[in-house]
Amino acid sequence: FLSVFLSIFGSWVAIWIASESRTGYALAFSGV
């Protein structure tokens, strides 16, 4: 169940950053 949390949290951080700043560098950082 810790793995569930890590999966959701990691997805949230990546999607939030990608949505806030849509530059190529930001999208690459979100992918990482």
Full PDB file with SEQRES, HELIX, SHEET, SSBOND, CRYST1, ORIGX, SCALE, CONECT and MASTER records, all heavy atoms in Angstrom:
SEQRES   1 A   32  PHE LEU SER VAL PHE LEU SER ILE PHE GLY SER TRP VAL          
SEQRES   2 A   32  ALA ILE TRP ILE ALA SER GLU SER ARG THR GLY TYR ALA          
SEQRES   3 A   32  LEU ALA PHE SER GLY VAL                                      
HELIX    1 AA1 LEU A    2  GLU A   20  1                                  19    
HELIX    2 AA2 GLY A   24  GLY A   31  1                                   8    
CRYST1    1.000    1.000    1.000  90.00  90.00  90.00 P 1           1          
ORIGX1      1.000000  0.000000  0.000000        0.00000                         
ORIGX2      0.000000  1.000000  0.000000        0.00000                         
ORIGX3      0.000000  0.000000  1.000000        0.00000                         
SCALE1      1.000000  0.000000  0.000000        0.00000                         
SCALE2      0.000000  1.000000  0.000000        0.00000                         
SCALE3      0.000000  0.000000  1.000000        0.00000                         
ATOM      1  N   PHE A   1       0.819  -1.217   0.000  1.00  0.00           N  
ATOM      2  CA  PHE A   1       0.000   0.000   0.000  1.00  0.00           C  
ATOM      3  C   PHE A   1       0.853   1.268   0.000  1.00  0.00           C  
ATOM      4  O   PHE A   1       0.400   2.315  -0.459  1.00  0.00           O  
ATOM      5  CB  PHE A   1      -0.989  -0.025   1.169  1.00  0.00           C  
ATOM      6  CG  PHE A   1      -2.149  -0.930   0.897  1.00  0.00           C  
ATOM      7  CD1 PHE A   1      -2.116  -2.260   1.284  1.00  0.00           C  
ATOM      8  CD2 PHE A   1      -3.254  -0.463   0.200  1.00  0.00           C  
ATOM      9  CE1 PHE A   1      -3.176  -3.103   0.997  1.00  0.00           C  
ATOM     10  CE2 PHE A   1      -4.316  -1.295  -0.089  1.00  0.00           C  
ATOM     11  CZ  PHE A   1      -4.294  -2.626   0.316  1.00  0.00           C  
ATOM     12  N   LEU A   2       2.083   1.168   0.478  1.00  0.00           N  
ATOM     13  CA  LEU A   2       3.000   2.297   0.312  1.00  0.00           C  
ATOM     14  C   LEU A   2       3.274   2.529  -1.176  1.00  0.00           C  
ATOM     15  O   LEU A   2       3.381   3.683  -1.631  1.00  0.00           O  
ATOM     16  CB  LEU A   2       4.309   2.031   1.045  1.00  0.00           C  
ATOM     17  CG  LEU A   2       5.410   3.091   0.853  1.00  0.00           C  
ATOM     18  CD1 LEU A   2       4.947   4.460   1.344  1.00  0.00           C  
ATOM     19  CD2 LEU A   2       6.698   2.663   1.553  1.00  0.00           C  
ATOM     20  N   SER A   3       3.358   1.458  -1.941  1.00  0.00           N  
ATOM     21  CA  SER A   3       3.610   1.593  -3.376  1.00  0.00           C  
ATOM     22  C   SER A   3       2.459   2.319  -4.073  1.00  0.00           C  
ATOM     23  O   SER A   3       2.681   3.042  -5.047  1.00  0.00           O  
ATOM     24  CB  SER A   3       3.842   0.212  -4.010  1.00  0.00           C  
ATOM     25  OG  SER A   3       2.678  -0.585  -3.976  1.00  0.00           O  
ATOM     26  N   VAL A   4       1.226   2.134  -3.573  1.00  0.00           N  
ATOM     27  CA  VAL A   4       0.080   2.876  -4.132  1.00  0.00           C  
ATOM     28  C   VAL A   4       0.287   4.376  -3.920  1.00  0.00           C  
ATOM     29  O   VAL A   4       0.121   5.180  -4.851  1.00  0.00           O  
ATOM     30  CB  VAL A   4      -1.246   2.445  -3.471  1.00  0.00           C  
ATOM     31  CG1 VAL A   4      -2.418   3.223  -4.077  1.00  0.00           C  
ATOM     32  CG2 VAL A   4      -1.470   0.964  -3.628  1.00  0.00           C  
ATOM     33  N   PHE A   5       0.645   4.746  -2.709  1.00  0.00           N  
ATOM     34  CA  PHE A   5       0.855   6.165  -2.390  1.00  0.00           C  
ATOM     35  C   PHE A   5       1.951   6.764  -3.257  1.00  0.00           C  
ATOM     36  O   PHE A   5       1.804   7.864  -3.797  1.00  0.00           O  
ATOM     37  CB  PHE A   5       1.198   6.317  -0.908  1.00  0.00           C  
ATOM     38  CG  PHE A   5       1.651   7.703  -0.538  1.00  0.00           C  
ATOM     39  CD1 PHE A   5       0.727   8.720  -0.374  1.00  0.00           C  
ATOM     40  CD2 PHE A   5       3.006   7.993  -0.389  1.00  0.00           C  
ATOM     41  CE1 PHE A   5       1.143  10.010  -0.057  1.00  0.00           C  
ATOM     42  CE2 PHE A   5       3.430   9.261  -0.072  1.00  0.00           C  
ATOM     43  CZ  PHE A   5       2.488  10.282   0.093  1.00  0.00           C  
ATOM     44  N   LEU A   6       3.068   6.054  -3.385  1.00  0.00           N  
ATOM     45  CA  LEU A   6       4.185   6.567  -4.178  1.00  0.00           C  
ATOM     46  C   LEU A   6       3.783   6.758  -5.635  1.00  0.00           C  
ATOM     47  O   LEU A   6       4.174   7.742  -6.280  1.00  0.00           O  
ATOM     48  CB  LEU A   6       5.370   5.612  -4.089  1.00  0.00           C  
ATOM     49  CG  LEU A   6       6.057   5.529  -2.716  1.00  0.00           C  
ATOM     50  CD1 LEU A   6       7.127   4.441  -2.730  1.00  0.00           C  
ATOM     51  CD2 LEU A   6       6.669   6.867  -2.326  1.00  0.00           C  
ATOM     52  N   SER A   7       2.994   5.843  -6.151  1.00  0.00           N  
ATOM     53  CA  SER A   7       2.550   5.938  -7.541  1.00  0.00           C  
ATOM     54  C   SER A   7       1.665   7.154  -7.758  1.00  0.00           C  
ATOM     55  O   SER A   7       1.841   7.908  -8.716  1.00  0.00           O  
ATOM     56  CB  SER A   7       1.800   4.651  -7.926  1.00  0.00           C  
ATOM     57  OG  SER A   7       1.412   4.698  -9.276  1.00  0.00           O  
ATOM     58  N   ILE A   8       0.705   7.365  -6.863  1.00  0.00           N  
ATOM     59  CA  ILE A   8      -0.213   8.506  -6.996  1.00  0.00           C  
ATOM     60  C   ILE A   8       0.523   9.815  -6.763  1.00  0.00           C  
ATOM     61  O   ILE A   8       0.351  10.784  -7.516  1.00  0.00           O  
ATOM     62  CB  ILE A   8      -1.394   8.356  -6.010  1.00  0.00           C  
ATOM     63  CG1 ILE A   8      -2.236   7.137  -6.371  1.00  0.00           C  
ATOM     64  CG2 ILE A   8      -2.255   9.622  -6.008  1.00  0.00           C  
ATOM     65  CD1 ILE A   8      -3.304   6.806  -5.356  1.00  0.00           C  
ATOM     66  N   PHE A   9       1.378   9.870  -5.740  1.00  0.00           N  
ATOM     67  CA  PHE A   9       2.099  11.105  -5.436  1.00  0.00           C  
ATOM     68  C   PHE A   9       3.046  11.483  -6.575  1.00  0.00           C  
ATOM     69  O   PHE A   9       3.114  12.647  -6.982  1.00  0.00           O  
ATOM     70  CB  PHE A   9       2.885  10.949  -4.130  1.00  0.00           C  
ATOM     71  CG  PHE A   9       3.666  12.180  -3.742  1.00  0.00           C  
ATOM     72  CD1 PHE A   9       3.006  13.290  -3.229  1.00  0.00           C  
ATOM     73  CD2 PHE A   9       5.045  12.232  -3.906  1.00  0.00           C  
ATOM     74  CE1 PHE A   9       3.719  14.434  -2.874  1.00  0.00           C  
ATOM     75  CE2 PHE A   9       5.761  13.362  -3.556  1.00  0.00           C  
ATOM     76  CZ  PHE A   9       5.088  14.470  -3.045  1.00  0.00           C  
ATOM     77  N   GLY A  10       3.781  10.506  -7.088  1.00  0.00           N  
ATOM     78  CA  GLY A  10       4.689  10.785  -8.202  1.00  0.00           C  
ATOM     79  C   GLY A  10       3.947  11.281  -9.423  1.00  0.00           C  
ATOM     80  O   GLY A  10       4.393  12.212 -10.106  1.00  0.00           O  
ATOM     81  N   SER A  11       2.794  10.679  -9.699  1.00  0.00           N  
ATOM     82  CA  SER A  11       1.982  11.120 -10.839  1.00  0.00           C  
ATOM     83  C   SER A  11       1.484  12.542 -10.633  1.00  0.00           C  
ATOM     84  O   SER A  11       1.493  13.358 -11.570  1.00  0.00           O  
ATOM     85  CB  SER A  11       0.789  10.170 -11.031  1.00  0.00           C  
ATOM     86  OG  SER A  11       1.222   8.858 -11.297  1.00  0.00           O  
ATOM     87  N   TRP A  12       1.061  12.846  -9.408  1.00  0.00           N  
ATOM     88  CA  TRP A  12       0.534  14.191  -9.121  1.00  0.00           C  
ATOM     89  C   TRP A  12       1.610  15.257  -9.310  1.00  0.00           C  
ATOM     90  O   TRP A  12       1.351  16.289  -9.951  1.00  0.00           O  
ATOM     91  CB  TRP A  12      -0.012  14.247  -7.705  1.00  0.00           C  
ATOM     92  CG  TRP A  12      -0.447  15.632  -7.306  1.00  0.00           C  
ATOM     93  CD1 TRP A  12      -1.586  16.273  -7.687  1.00  0.00           C  
ATOM     94  CD2 TRP A  12       0.277  16.550  -6.480  1.00  0.00           C  
ATOM     95  NE1 TRP A  12      -1.627  17.539  -7.150  1.00  0.00           N  
ATOM     96  CE2 TRP A  12      -0.495  17.739  -6.404  1.00  0.00           C  
ATOM     97  CE3 TRP A  12       1.491  16.482  -5.800  1.00  0.00           C  
ATOM     98  CZ2 TRP A  12      -0.078  18.839  -5.671  1.00  0.00           C  
ATOM     99  CZ3 TRP A  12       1.901  17.579  -5.066  1.00  0.00           C  
ATOM    100  CH2 TRP A  12       1.121  18.743  -5.007  1.00  0.00           C  
ATOM    101  N   VAL A  13       2.800  15.032  -8.787  1.00  0.00           N  
ATOM    102  CA  VAL A  13       3.879  16.019  -8.918  1.00  0.00           C  
ATOM    103  C   VAL A  13       4.214  16.240 -10.391  1.00  0.00           C  
ATOM    104  O   VAL A  13       4.331  17.379 -10.867  1.00  0.00           O  
ATOM    105  CB  VAL A  13       5.134  15.571  -8.141  1.00  0.00           C  
ATOM    106  CG1 VAL A  13       6.300  16.512  -8.434  1.00  0.00           C  
ATOM    107  CG2 VAL A  13       4.852  15.545  -6.640  1.00  0.00           C  
ATOM    108  N   ALA A  14       4.356  15.155 -11.151  1.00  0.00           N  
ATOM    109  CA  ALA A  14       4.729  15.264 -12.567  1.00  0.00           C  
ATOM    110  C   ALA A  14       3.648  15.980 -13.372  1.00  0.00           C  
ATOM    111  O   ALA A  14       3.942  16.882 -14.169  1.00  0.00           O  
ATOM    112  CB  ALA A  14       4.982  13.867 -13.140  1.00  0.00           C  
ATOM    113  N   ILE A  15       2.392  15.602 -13.164  1.00  0.00           N  
ATOM    114  CA  ILE A  15       1.293  16.205 -13.931  1.00  0.00           C  
ATOM    115  C   ILE A  15       1.119  17.667 -13.544  1.00  0.00           C  
ATOM    116  O   ILE A  15       0.862  18.525 -14.406  1.00  0.00           O  
ATOM    117  CB  ILE A  15      -0.006  15.411 -13.719  1.00  0.00           C  
ATOM    118  CG1 ILE A  15       0.122  14.034 -14.377  1.00  0.00           C  
ATOM    119  CG2 ILE A  15      -1.209  16.153 -14.292  1.00  0.00           C  
ATOM    120  CD1 ILE A  15      -1.039  13.099 -14.096  1.00  0.00           C  
ATOM    121  N   TRP A  16       1.264  17.978 -12.266  1.00  0.00           N  
ATOM    122  CA  TRP A  16       1.096  19.365 -11.818  1.00  0.00           C  
ATOM    123  C   TRP A  16       2.160  20.274 -12.441  1.00  0.00           C  
ATOM    124  O   TRP A  16       1.842  21.359 -12.942  1.00  0.00           O  
ATOM    125  CB  TRP A  16       1.169  19.435 -10.298  1.00  0.00           C  
ATOM    126  CG  TRP A  16       1.016  20.821  -9.767  1.00  0.00           C  
ATOM    127  CD1 TRP A  16      -0.131  21.563  -9.690  1.00  0.00           C  
ATOM    128  CD2 TRP A  16       2.057  21.666  -9.259  1.00  0.00           C  
ATOM    129  NE1 TRP A  16       0.123  22.803  -9.162  1.00  0.00           N  
ATOM    130  CE2 TRP A  16       1.453  22.892  -8.890  1.00  0.00           C  
ATOM    131  CE3 TRP A  16       3.430  21.493  -9.069  1.00  0.00           C  
ATOM    132  CZ2 TRP A  16       2.198  23.943  -8.345  1.00  0.00           C  
ATOM    133  CZ3 TRP A  16       4.160  22.533  -8.534  1.00  0.00           C  
ATOM    134  CH2 TRP A  16       3.551  23.740  -8.173  1.00  0.00           C  
ATOM    135  N   ILE A  17       3.400  19.834 -12.429  1.00  0.00           N  
ATOM    136  CA  ILE A  17       4.477  20.651 -13.008  1.00  0.00           C  
ATOM    137  C   ILE A  17       4.272  20.807 -14.516  1.00  0.00           C  
ATOM    138  O   ILE A  17       4.445  21.891 -15.075  1.00  0.00           O  
ATOM    139  CB  ILE A  17       5.850  20.031 -12.693  1.00  0.00           C  
ATOM    140  CG1 ILE A  17       6.150  20.168 -11.195  1.00  0.00           C  
ATOM    141  CG2 ILE A  17       6.950  20.701 -13.516  1.00  0.00           C  
ATOM    142  CD1 ILE A  17       7.441  19.517 -10.749  1.00  0.00           C  
ATOM    143  N   ALA A  18       3.893  19.731 -15.185  1.00  0.00           N  
ATOM    144  CA  ALA A  18       3.658  19.807 -16.627  1.00  0.00           C  
ATOM    145  C   ALA A  18       2.524  20.764 -16.955  1.00  0.00           C  
ATOM    146  O   ALA A  18       2.586  21.503 -17.951  1.00  0.00           O  
ATOM    147  CB  ALA A  18       3.354  18.417 -17.174  1.00  0.00           C  
ATOM    148  N   SER A  19       1.500  20.797 -16.119  1.00  0.00           N  
ATOM    149  CA  SER A  19       0.345  21.663 -16.375  1.00  0.00           C  
ATOM    150  C   SER A  19       0.650  23.129 -16.096  1.00  0.00           C  
ATOM    151  O   SER A  19       0.115  24.017 -16.768  1.00  0.00           O  
ATOM    152  CB  SER A  19      -0.845  21.226 -15.504  1.00  0.00           C  
ATOM    153  OG  SER A  19      -1.236  19.908 -15.818  1.00  0.00           O  
ATOM    154  N   GLU A  20       1.507  23.390 -15.118  1.00  0.00           N  
ATOM    155  CA  GLU A  20       1.802  24.766 -14.742  1.00  0.00           C  
ATOM    156  C   GLU A  20       2.788  25.431 -15.695  1.00  0.00           C  
ATOM    157  O   GLU A  20       2.698  26.616 -15.965  1.00  0.00           O  
ATOM    158  CB  GLU A  20       2.355  24.807 -13.308  1.00  0.00           C  
ATOM    159  CG  GLU A  20       1.342  24.465 -12.245  1.00  0.00           C  
ATOM    160  CD  GLU A  20       0.159  25.425 -12.231  1.00  0.00           C  
ATOM    161  OE1 GLU A  20       0.387  26.645 -12.218  1.00  0.00           O  
ATOM    162  OE2 GLU A  20      -0.991  24.945 -12.276  1.00  0.00           O  
ATOM    163  N   SER A  21       3.759  24.679 -16.187  1.00  0.00           N  
ATOM    164  CA  SER A  21       4.763  25.237 -17.090  1.00  0.00           C  
ATOM    165  C   SER A  21       4.941  24.288 -18.260  1.00  0.00           C  
ATOM    166  O   SER A  21       5.440  23.177 -18.092  1.00  0.00           O  
ATOM    167  CB  SER A  21       6.097  25.432 -16.363  1.00  0.00           C  
ATOM    168  OG  SER A  21       7.077  25.935 -17.235  1.00  0.00           O  
ATOM    169  N   ARG A  22       4.498  24.709 -19.453  1.00  0.00           N  
ATOM    170  CA  ARG A  22       4.424  23.796 -20.584  1.00  0.00           C  
ATOM    171  C   ARG A  22       5.604  23.940 -21.543  1.00  0.00           C  
ATOM    172  O   ARG A  22       5.503  23.587 -22.710  1.00  0.00           O  
ATOM    173  CB  ARG A  22       3.106  24.015 -21.324  1.00  0.00           C  
ATOM    174  CG  ARG A  22       1.906  23.849 -20.414  1.00  0.00           C  
ATOM    175  CD  ARG A  22       0.619  24.130 -21.135  1.00  0.00           C  
ATOM    176  NE  ARG A  22      -0.505  24.144 -20.217  1.00  0.00           N  
ATOM    177  CZ  ARG A  22      -1.753  24.350 -20.581  1.00  0.00           C  
ATOM    178  NH1 ARG A  22      -2.034  24.565 -21.857  1.00  0.00           N  
ATOM    179  NH2 ARG A  22      -2.732  24.361 -19.696  1.00  0.00           N  
ATOM    180  N   THR A  23       6.704  24.486 -21.065  1.00  0.00           N  
ATOM    181  CA  THR A  23       7.893  24.581 -21.909  1.00  0.00           C  
ATOM    182  C   THR A  23       8.473  23.184 -22.124  1.00  0.00           C  
ATOM    183  O   THR A  23       8.172  22.240 -21.377  1.00  0.00           O  
ATOM    184  CB  THR A  23       8.950  25.476 -21.262  1.00  0.00           C  
ATOM    185  OG1 THR A  23       9.392  24.864 -20.030  1.00  0.00           O  
ATOM    186  CG2 THR A  23       8.382  26.861 -20.953  1.00  0.00           C  
ATOM    187  N   GLY A  24       9.307  23.060 -23.143  1.00  0.00           N  
ATOM    188  CA  GLY A  24       9.928  21.766 -23.428  1.00  0.00           C  
ATOM    189  C   GLY A  24      10.725  21.226 -22.260  1.00  0.00           C  
ATOM    190  O   GLY A  24      10.675  20.030 -21.948  1.00  0.00           O  
ATOM    191  N   TYR A  25      11.480  22.123 -21.580  1.00  0.00           N  
ATOM    192  CA  TYR A  25      12.281  21.690 -20.435  1.00  0.00           C  
ATOM    193  C   TYR A  25      11.396  21.208 -19.286  1.00  0.00           C  
ATOM    194  O   TYR A  25      11.703  20.203 -18.627  1.00  0.00           O  
ATOM    195  CB  TYR A  25      13.165  22.840 -19.952  1.00  0.00           C  
ATOM    196  CG  TYR A  25      14.278  23.191 -20.904  1.00  0.00           C  
ATOM    197  CD1 TYR A  25      14.302  24.422 -21.553  1.00  0.00           C  
ATOM    198  CD2 TYR A  25      15.307  22.290 -21.183  1.00  0.00           C  
ATOM    199  CE1 TYR A  25      15.325  24.745 -22.441  1.00  0.00           C  
ATOM    200  CE2 TYR A  25      16.330  22.597 -22.063  1.00  0.00           C  
ATOM    201  CZ  TYR A  25      16.328  23.833 -22.692  1.00  0.00           C  
ATOM    202  OH  TYR A  25      17.317  24.137 -23.568  1.00  0.00           O  
ATOM    203  N   ALA A  26      10.293  21.934 -19.044  1.00  0.00           N  
ATOM    204  CA  ALA A  26       9.384  21.553 -17.960  1.00  0.00           C  
ATOM    205  C   ALA A  26       8.731  20.203 -18.249  1.00  0.00           C  
ATOM    206  O   ALA A  26       8.584  19.369 -17.347  1.00  0.00           O  
ATOM    207  CB  ALA A  26       8.322  22.622 -17.756  1.00  0.00           C  
ATOM    208  N   LEU A  27       8.357  19.971 -19.499  1.00  0.00           N  
ATOM    209  CA  LEU A  27       7.726  18.701 -19.858  1.00  0.00           C  
ATOM    210  C   LEU A  27       8.732  17.549 -19.757  1.00  0.00           C  
ATOM    211  O   LEU A  27       8.384  16.442 -19.330  1.00  0.00           O  
ATOM    212  CB  LEU A  27       7.148  18.782 -21.263  1.00  0.00           C  
ATOM    213  CG  LEU A  27       6.005  19.805 -21.453  1.00  0.00           C  
ATOM    214  CD1 LEU A  27       5.522  19.815 -22.896  1.00  0.00           C  
ATOM    215  CD2 LEU A  27       4.842  19.503 -20.508  1.00  0.00           C  
ATOM    216  N   ALA A  28       9.996  17.816 -20.140  1.00  0.00           N  
ATOM    217  CA  ALA A  28      11.031  16.789 -19.983  1.00  0.00           C  
ATOM    218  C   ALA A  28      11.275  16.485 -18.504  1.00  0.00           C  
ATOM    219  O   ALA A  28      11.427  15.315 -18.109  1.00  0.00           O  
ATOM    220  CB  ALA A  28      12.316  17.237 -20.661  1.00  0.00           C  
ATOM    221  N   PHE A  29      11.307  17.536 -17.687  1.00  0.00           N  
ATOM    222  CA  PHE A  29      11.487  17.355 -16.245  1.00  0.00           C  
ATOM    223  C   PHE A  29      10.319  16.571 -15.657  1.00  0.00           C  
ATOM    224  O   PHE A  29      10.510  15.683 -14.816  1.00  0.00           O  
ATOM    225  CB  PHE A  29      11.610  18.719 -15.573  1.00  0.00           C  
ATOM    226  CG  PHE A  29      11.852  18.668 -14.093  1.00  0.00           C  
ATOM    227  CD1 PHE A  29      12.902  17.931 -13.562  1.00  0.00           C  
ATOM    228  CD2 PHE A  29      11.023  19.352 -13.214  1.00  0.00           C  
ATOM    229  CE1 PHE A  29      13.123  17.875 -12.192  1.00  0.00           C  
ATOM    230  CE2 PHE A  29      11.229  19.307 -11.849  1.00  0.00           C  
ATOM    231  CZ  PHE A  29      12.286  18.558 -11.338  1.00  0.00           C  
ATOM    232  N   SER A  30       9.102  16.873 -16.131  1.00  0.00           N  
ATOM    233  CA  SER A  30       7.920  16.136 -15.665  1.00  0.00           C  
ATOM    234  C   SER A  30       8.005  14.675 -16.068  1.00  0.00           C  
ATOM    235  O   SER A  30       7.596  13.787 -15.306  1.00  0.00           O  
ATOM    236  CB  SER A  30       6.653  16.771 -16.238  1.00  0.00           C  
ATOM    237  OG  SER A  30       6.480  18.089 -15.768  1.00  0.00           O  
ATOM    238  N   GLY A  31       8.546  14.414 -17.276  1.00  0.00           N  
ATOM    239  CA  GLY A  31       8.719  13.027 -17.702  1.00  0.00           C  
ATOM    240  C   GLY A  31       9.679  12.273 -16.801  1.00  0.00           C  
ATOM    241  O   GLY A  31       9.440  11.104 -16.458  1.00  0.00           O  
ATOM    242  N   VAL A  32      10.759  12.940 -16.393  1.00  0.00           N  
ATOM    243  CA  VAL A  32      11.720  12.316 -15.475  1.00  0.00           C  
ATOM    244  C   VAL A  32      11.070  12.063 -14.112  1.00  0.00           C  
ATOM    245  O   VAL A  32      11.262  10.993 -13.506  1.00  0.00           O  
ATOM    246  CB  VAL A  32      12.972  13.200 -15.324  1.00  0.00           C  
ATOM    247  CG1 VAL A  32      13.894  12.654 -14.226  1.00  0.00           C  
ATOM    248  CG2 VAL A  32      13.730  13.286 -16.643  1.00  0.00           C  
TER     249      VAL A  32                                                      
MASTER        0    0    0    2    0    0    0    6  248    1    0    3          
END                                                                             
